[in-house]
C-alpha atoms as a PDB file:
ATOM      1  CA  UNK A   1     103.390 -36.013 250.749  1.00  0.00           C
ATOM      2  CA  UNK A   2     101.185 -39.420 249.819  1.00  0.00           C
ATOM      3  CA  UNK A   3     100.358 -37.891 246.284  1.00  0.00           C
ATOM      4  CA  UNK A   4     104.120 -37.682 245.685  1.00  0.00           C
ATOM      5  CA  UNK A   5     104.554 -41.144 246.874  1.00  0.00           C
ATOM      6  CA  UNK A   6     101.775 -42.512 244.202  1.00  0.00           C
ATOM      7  CA  UNK A   7     103.050 -40.569 241.480  1.00  0.00           C
ATOM      8  CA  UNK A   8     106.662 -41.970 242.371  1.00  0.00           C
ATOM      9  CA  UNK A   9     104.975 -45.587 242.234  1.00  0.00           C
ATOM     10  CA  UNK A  10     103.329 -44.770 238.968  1.00  0.00           C
ATOM     11  CA  UNK A  11     106.468 -43.167 237.492  1.00  0.00           C
ATOM     12  CA  UNK A  12     108.536 -46.387 238.718  1.00  0.00           C
ATOM     13  CA  UNK A  13     105.843 -48.693 237.148  1.00  0.00           C
ATOM     14  CA  UNK A  14     105.959 -46.845 233.551  1.00  0.00           C
ATOM     15  CA  UNK A  15     109.584 -46.649 233.506  1.00  0.00           C
ATOM     16  CA  UNK A  16     110.081 -50.403 234.294  1.00  0.00           C
ATOM     17  CA  UNK A  17     107.030 -50.947 231.424  1.00  0.00           C
ATOM     18  CA  UNK A  18     109.189 -48.931 229.032  1.00  0.00           C
ATOM     19  CA  UNK A  19     112.538 -50.780 229.964  1.00  0.00           C
ATOM     20  CA  UNK A  20     111.164 -54.318 229.517  1.00  0.00           C
ATOM     21  CA  UNK A  21     109.215 -53.037 226.283  1.00  0.00           C
ATOM     22  CA  UNK A  22     112.934 -51.656 225.043  1.00  0.00           C
ATOM     23  CA  UNK A  23     114.342 -54.949 225.595  1.00  0.00           C
ATOM     24  CA  UNK A  24     111.902 -56.763 223.821  1.00  0.00           C
ATOM     25  CA  UNK A  25     112.334 -53.968 220.985  1.00  0.00           C
ATOM     26  CA  UNK A  26     116.094 -54.237 221.166  1.00  0.00           C
ATOM     27  CA  UNK A  27     116.228 -58.338 220.634  1.00  0.00           C
ATOM     28  CA  UNK A  28     113.880 -57.518 217.630  1.00  0.00           C
ATOM     29  CA  UNK A  29     115.778 -54.496 216.080  1.00  0.00           C
ATOM     30  CA  UNK A  30     118.794 -56.746 216.282  1.00  0.00           C
ATOM     31  CA  UNK A  31     117.129 -59.704 214.967  1.00  0.00           C
ATOM     32  CA  UNK A  32     115.053 -58.220 211.762  1.00  0.00           C
ATOM     33  CA  UNK A  33     116.173 -54.581 211.399  1.00  0.00           C
ATOM     34  CA  UNK A  34     113.487 -52.219 212.168  1.00  0.00           C
ATOM     35  CA  UNK A  35     110.687 -53.501 209.876  1.00  0.00           C
ATOM     36  CA  UNK A  36     108.388 -50.614 211.908  1.00  0.00           C
ATOM     37  CA  UNK A  37     110.135 -47.717 209.531  1.00  0.00           C
ATOM     38  CA  UNK A  38     110.368 -49.917 206.677  1.00  0.00           C
ATOM     39  CA  UNK A  39     107.380 -46.895 205.278  1.00  0.00           C
ATOM     40  CA  UNK A  40     108.876 -43.683 206.849  1.00  0.00           C
ATOM     41  CA  UNK A  41     110.967 -41.290 204.554  1.00  0.00           C
ATOM     42  CA  UNK A  42     111.746 -38.756 206.869  1.00  0.00           C
ATOM     43  CA  UNK A  43     112.584 -38.456 210.337  1.00  0.00           C
ATOM     44  CA  UNK A  44     109.935 -35.633 210.921  1.00  0.00           C
ATOM     45  CA  UNK A  45     107.335 -36.428 213.594  1.00  0.00           C
ATOM     46  CA  UNK A  46     104.435 -34.357 215.056  1.00  0.00           C
ATOM     47  CA  UNK A  47     102.802 -35.362 218.203  1.00  0.00           C
ATOM     48  CA  UNK A  48     101.979 -34.748 221.958  1.00  0.00           C
ATOM     49  CA  UNK A  49     102.430 -35.483 225.372  1.00  0.00           C
ATOM     50  CA  UNK A  50     100.145 -35.896 228.866  1.00  0.00           C
ATOM     51  CA  UNK A  51     102.594 -34.355 231.232  1.00  0.00           C
ATOM     52  CA  UNK A  52     102.130 -35.497 234.940  1.00  0.00           C
ATOM     53  CA  UNK A  53     104.277 -33.729 237.527  1.00  0.00           C
ATOM     54  CA  UNK A  54     104.899 -33.331 241.389  1.00  0.00           C
ATOM     55  CA  UNK A  55     103.957 -29.991 240.992  1.00  0.00           C
ATOM     56  CA  UNK A  56     104.738 -26.454 239.476  1.00  0.00           C
ATOM     57  CA  UNK A  57     107.732 -24.682 240.725  1.00  0.00           C
ATOM     58  CA  UNK A  58     108.911 -25.837 244.117  1.00  0.00           C
ATOM     59  CA  UNK A  59     107.415 -25.391 247.547  1.00  0.00           C
ATOM     60  CA  UNK A  60     103.751 -25.873 247.210  1.00  0.00           C
ATOM     61  CA  UNK A  61     101.010 -27.949 245.967  1.00  0.00           C
ATOM     62  CA  UNK A  62     100.082 -26.419 242.772  1.00  0.00           C
ATOM     63  CA  UNK A  63     100.079 -28.540 239.723  1.00  0.00           C
ATOM     64  CA  UNK A  64     100.497 -31.743 241.326  1.00  0.00           C
ATOM     65  CA  UNK A  65      98.993 -34.911 238.840  1.00  0.00           C
ATOM     66  CA  UNK A  66      98.207 -33.738 235.099  1.00  0.00           C
ATOM     67  CA  UNK A  67     100.067 -30.489 233.992  1.00  0.00           C
ATOM     68  CA  UNK A  68      99.407 -30.323 230.751  1.00  0.00           C
ATOM     69  CA  UNK A  69      98.788 -31.334 227.560  1.00  0.00           C
ATOM     70  CA  UNK A  70     101.933 -30.665 225.179  1.00  0.00           C
ATOM     71  CA  UNK A  71     101.746 -30.426 221.274  1.00  0.00           C
ATOM     72  CA  UNK A  72     105.033 -31.065 219.849  1.00  0.00           C
ATOM     73  CA  UNK A  73     107.131 -31.259 216.562  1.00  0.00           C
ATOM     74  CA  UNK A  74     110.919 -32.317 216.199  1.00  0.00           C
ATOM     75  CA  UNK A  75     112.856 -34.930 214.560  1.00  0.00           C
ATOM     76  CA  UNK A  76     113.470 -38.574 215.485  1.00  0.00           C
ATOM     77  CA  UNK A  77     115.741 -41.612 214.052  1.00  0.00           C
ATOM     78  CA  UNK A  78     114.349 -44.292 216.529  1.00  0.00           C
ATOM     79  CA  UNK A  79     117.671 -46.536 217.159  1.00  0.00           C
ATOM     80  CA  UNK A  80     119.595 -43.312 217.332  1.00  0.00           C
ATOM     81  CA  UNK A  81     118.871 -39.891 218.470  1.00  0.00           C
ATOM     82  CA  UNK A  82     115.790 -37.136 218.681  1.00  0.00           C
ATOM     83  CA  UNK A  83     115.046 -33.629 219.105  1.00  0.00           C
ATOM     84  CA  UNK A  84     111.680 -32.078 219.979  1.00  0.00           C
ATOM     85  CA  UNK A  85     109.863 -28.822 220.846  1.00  0.00           C
ATOM     86  CA  UNK A  86     106.585 -28.465 222.876  1.00  0.00           C
ATOM     87  CA  UNK A  87     104.650 -25.989 223.775  1.00  0.00           C
ATOM     88  CA  UNK A  88     101.930 -26.540 226.651  1.00  0.00           C
ATOM     89  CA  UNK A  89      99.360 -24.495 228.501  1.00  0.00           C
ATOM     90  CA  UNK A  90      96.665 -25.160 231.006  1.00  0.00           C
ATOM     91  CA  UNK A  91      94.935 -23.213 233.923  1.00  0.00           C
ATOM     92  CA  UNK A  92      94.163 -23.960 237.623  1.00  0.00           C
ATOM     93  CA  UNK A  93      92.835 -22.305 240.594  1.00  0.00           C
ATOM     94  CA  UNK A  94      95.364 -21.279 243.564  1.00  0.00           C
ATOM     95  CA  UNK A  95      93.684 -20.679 246.982  1.00  0.00           C
ATOM     96  CA  UNK A  96      95.595 -17.884 248.992  1.00  0.00           C
ATOM     97  CA  UNK A  97      95.807 -16.842 252.780  1.00  0.00           C
ATOM     98  CA  UNK A  98      93.314 -14.137 252.410  1.00  0.00           C
ATOM     99  CA  UNK A  99      90.882 -16.422 251.353  1.00  0.00           C
ATOM    100  CA  UNK A 100      90.297 -15.425 247.462  1.00  0.00           C
ATOM    101  CA  UNK A 101      90.957 -17.653 244.521  1.00  0.00           C
ATOM    102  CA  UNK A 102      93.303 -16.697 241.896  1.00  0.00           C
ATOM    103  CA  UNK A 103      93.390 -17.865 238.060  1.00  0.00           C
ATOM    104  CA  UNK A 104      96.689 -18.757 237.446  1.00  0.00           C
ATOM    105  CA  UNK A 105      97.535 -19.894 233.348  1.00  0.00           C
ATOM    106  CA  UNK A 106     100.551 -21.801 233.614  1.00  0.00           C
ATOM    107  CA  UNK A 107     102.882 -22.049 230.015  1.00  0.00           C
ATOM    108  CA  UNK A 108     105.921 -24.142 229.399  1.00  0.00           C
ATOM    109  CA  UNK A 109     108.314 -23.936 226.311  1.00  0.00           C
ATOM    110  CA  UNK A 110     110.021 -27.464 226.383  1.00  0.00           C
ATOM    111  CA  UNK A 111     113.409 -28.277 224.256  1.00  0.00           C
ATOM    112  CA  UNK A 112     114.288 -31.917 224.331  1.00  0.00           C
ATOM    113  CA  UNK A 113     117.343 -33.513 223.148  1.00  0.00           C
ATOM    114  CA  UNK A 114     117.668 -37.928 223.655  1.00  0.00           C
ATOM    115  CA  UNK A 115     119.905 -40.658 222.800  1.00  0.00           C
ATOM    116  CA  UNK A 116     118.956 -44.098 222.418  1.00  0.00           C
ATOM    117  CA  UNK A 117     121.337 -46.186 224.734  1.00  0.00           C
ATOM    118  CA  UNK A 118     119.551 -49.958 224.279  1.00  0.00           C
ATOM    119  CA  UNK A 119     117.512 -50.448 220.873  1.00  0.00           C
ATOM    120  CA  UNK A 120     114.493 -48.072 221.648  1.00  0.00           C
ATOM    121  CA  UNK A 121     115.586 -47.203 225.446  1.00  0.00           C
ATOM    122  CA  UNK A 122     116.930 -43.766 225.391  1.00  0.00           C
ATOM    123  CA  UNK A 123     118.355 -40.747 227.999  1.00  0.00           C
ATOM    124  CA  UNK A 124     117.278 -37.460 227.513  1.00  0.00           C
ATOM    125  CA  UNK A 125     117.900 -33.890 228.420  1.00  0.00           C
ATOM    126  CA  UNK A 126     115.659 -30.764 228.617  1.00  0.00           C
ATOM    127  CA  UNK A 127     115.182 -27.199 229.022  1.00  0.00           C
ATOM    128  CA  UNK A 128     112.113 -25.457 229.726  1.00  0.00           C
ATOM    129  CA  UNK A 129     111.104 -21.865 230.095  1.00  0.00           C
ATOM    130  CA  UNK A 130     108.113 -21.772 232.191  1.00  0.00           C
ATOM    131  CA  UNK A 131     105.898 -18.914 232.532  1.00  0.00           C
ATOM    132  CA  UNK A 132     102.928 -18.320 235.037  1.00  0.00           C
ATOM    133  CA  UNK A 133     100.452 -15.102 235.039  1.00  0.00           C
ATOM    134  CA  UNK A 134      97.860 -14.362 238.244  1.00  0.00           C
ATOM    135  CA  UNK A 135      96.460 -11.220 239.394  1.00  0.00           C
ATOM    136  CA  UNK A 136      98.650 -11.885 242.697  1.00  0.00           C
ATOM    137  CA  UNK A 137     101.725 -11.447 240.128  1.00  0.00           C
ATOM    138  CA  UNK A 138     103.640 -12.501 236.810  1.00  0.00           C
ATOM    139  CA  UNK A 139     106.131 -14.992 237.074  1.00  0.00           C
ATOM    140  CA  UNK A 140     109.030 -16.964 234.726  1.00  0.00           C
ATOM    141  CA  UNK A 141     111.559 -19.258 235.310  1.00  0.00           C
ATOM    142  CA  UNK A 142     113.682 -21.833 233.926  1.00  0.00           C
ATOM    143  CA  UNK A 143     113.830 -25.967 234.414  1.00  0.00           C
ATOM    144  CA  UNK A 144     116.326 -28.098 233.601  1.00  0.00           C
ATOM    145  CA  UNK A 145     116.087 -31.714 233.448  1.00  0.00           C
ATOM    146  CA  UNK A 146     117.315 -35.290 233.324  1.00  0.00           C
ATOM    147  CA  UNK A 147     115.514 -38.871 232.598  1.00  0.00           C
ATOM    148  CA  UNK A 148     114.958 -41.993 230.449  1.00  0.00           C
ATOM    149  CA  UNK A 149     112.140 -42.713 228.164  1.00  0.00           C
ATOM    150  CA  UNK A 150     111.067 -45.738 225.924  1.00  0.00           C
ATOM    151  CA  UNK A 151     109.396 -46.237 222.547  1.00  0.00           C
ATOM    152  CA  UNK A 152     106.748 -49.050 221.587  1.00  0.00           C
ATOM    153  CA  UNK A 153     105.947 -48.733 217.734  1.00  0.00           C
ATOM    154  CA  UNK A 154     101.670 -48.992 217.325  1.00  0.00           C
ATOM    155  CA  UNK A 155     101.624 -48.454 213.354  1.00  0.00           C
ATOM    156  CA  UNK A 156     104.564 -48.723 210.983  1.00  0.00           C
ATOM    157  CA  UNK A 157     104.532 -44.787 211.270  1.00  0.00           C
ATOM    158  CA  UNK A 158     103.383 -44.142 214.904  1.00  0.00           C
ATOM    159  CA  UNK A 159     104.947 -44.964 218.213  1.00  0.00           C
ATOM    160  CA  UNK A 160     103.813 -44.049 221.944  1.00  0.00           C
ATOM    161  CA  UNK A 161     106.843 -43.227 224.559  1.00  0.00           C
ATOM    162  CA  UNK A 162     106.342 -42.875 228.553  1.00  0.00           C
ATOM    163  CA  UNK A 163     108.859 -41.182 229.880  1.00  0.00           C
ATOM    164  CA  UNK A 164     110.403 -40.818 233.768  1.00  0.00           C
ATOM    165  CA  UNK A 165     112.763 -37.592 234.689  1.00  0.00           C
ATOM    166  CA  UNK A 166     114.188 -34.954 237.345  1.00  0.00           C
ATOM    167  CA  UNK A 167     113.645 -31.020 236.805  1.00  0.00           C
ATOM    168  CA  UNK A 168     115.925 -28.875 238.537  1.00  0.00           C
ATOM    169  CA  UNK A 169     113.839 -25.530 239.150  1.00  0.00           C
ATOM    170  CA  UNK A 170     115.974 -22.673 239.152  1.00  0.00           C
ATOM    171  CA  UNK A 171     115.569 -19.439 241.295  1.00  0.00           C
ATOM    172  CA  UNK A 172     112.604 -16.952 240.804  1.00  0.00           C
ATOM    173  CA  UNK A 173     110.706 -15.469 242.666  1.00  0.00           C
ATOM    174  CA  UNK A 174     106.884 -17.022 243.879  1.00  0.00           C
ATOM    175  CA  UNK A 175     104.090 -14.458 244.485  1.00  0.00           C
ATOM    176  CA  UNK A 176     101.854 -16.844 246.592  1.00  0.00           C
ATOM    177  CA  UNK A 177     104.657 -17.816 248.705  1.00  0.00           C
ATOM    178  CA  UNK A 178     106.292 -14.167 248.783  1.00  0.00           C
ATOM    179  CA  UNK A 179     109.771 -15.383 248.634  1.00  0.00           C
ATOM    180  CA  UNK A 180     112.489 -16.475 246.362  1.00  0.00           C
ATOM    181  CA  UNK A 181     112.375 -20.681 245.849  1.00  0.00           C
ATOM    182  CA  UNK A 182     114.350 -23.105 243.927  1.00  0.00           C
ATOM    183  CA  UNK A 183     114.719 -26.746 244.089  1.00  0.00           C
ATOM    184  CA  UNK A 184     113.257 -29.886 242.234  1.00  0.00           C
ATOM    185  CA  UNK A 185     110.559 -32.130 241.034  1.00  0.00           C
ATOM    186  CA  UNK A 186     109.945 -35.418 239.153  1.00  0.00           C
ATOM    187  CA  UNK A 187     108.104 -35.412 235.499  1.00  0.00           C
ATOM    188  CA  UNK A 188     106.134 -38.136 233.767  1.00  0.00           C
ATOM    189  CA  UNK A 189     105.167 -37.998 230.446  1.00  0.00           C
ATOM    190  CA  UNK A 190     103.689 -40.247 228.068  1.00  0.00           C
ATOM    191  CA  UNK A 191     102.875 -39.328 224.541  1.00  0.00           C
ATOM    192  CA  UNK A 192     102.282 -40.534 220.957  1.00  0.00           C
ATOM    193  CA  UNK A 193     104.282 -39.249 218.123  1.00  0.00           C
ATOM    194  CA  UNK A 194     103.363 -39.857 214.110  1.00  0.00           C
ATOM    195  CA  UNK A 195     105.824 -39.566 211.215  1.00  0.00           C
ATOM    196  CA  UNK A 196     104.731 -36.867 208.628  1.00  0.00           C
ATOM    197  CA  UNK A 197     106.099 -38.483 205.531  1.00  0.00           C
END
């Protein structure tokens, strides 16, 4: 529970920082157009994100903290909207009640759609297909998400982003808990993207 509170505090801090930068960026954009985009010819982006969360699935302490490094590709019109697709993988060990440690291979395919609300601040929705493979059993489930984020230009064709969201985990069988579970969790993404051309 303490880990979840710390994660919530980090997410809130990151979101408020992003909101402040978004407000400053919106004012600058209104005054001088969008000079950071002067060298961009297409909206195609490549990048990656560090994903932090309050666990994989629900009802357990698995995957708390840094969840994955996720490469992504997409289309982003700063100040308007974006669509991204990312695929991340990572592995971890799970202690089971029989005393054995099981290796779990986790993978996640994410589709994210965002709309800018105020300058560089945006709202986003996501769909994720998640899989976990282990000797105890293989499982896959769907997650829907919603959240907010903000971008900050670092160079003319590169930007960093911070996002805070909530994921709804749909019903699936958990082999470690030996029952069907569903619920929700928090998600924080910190990423970097670059315009290809």
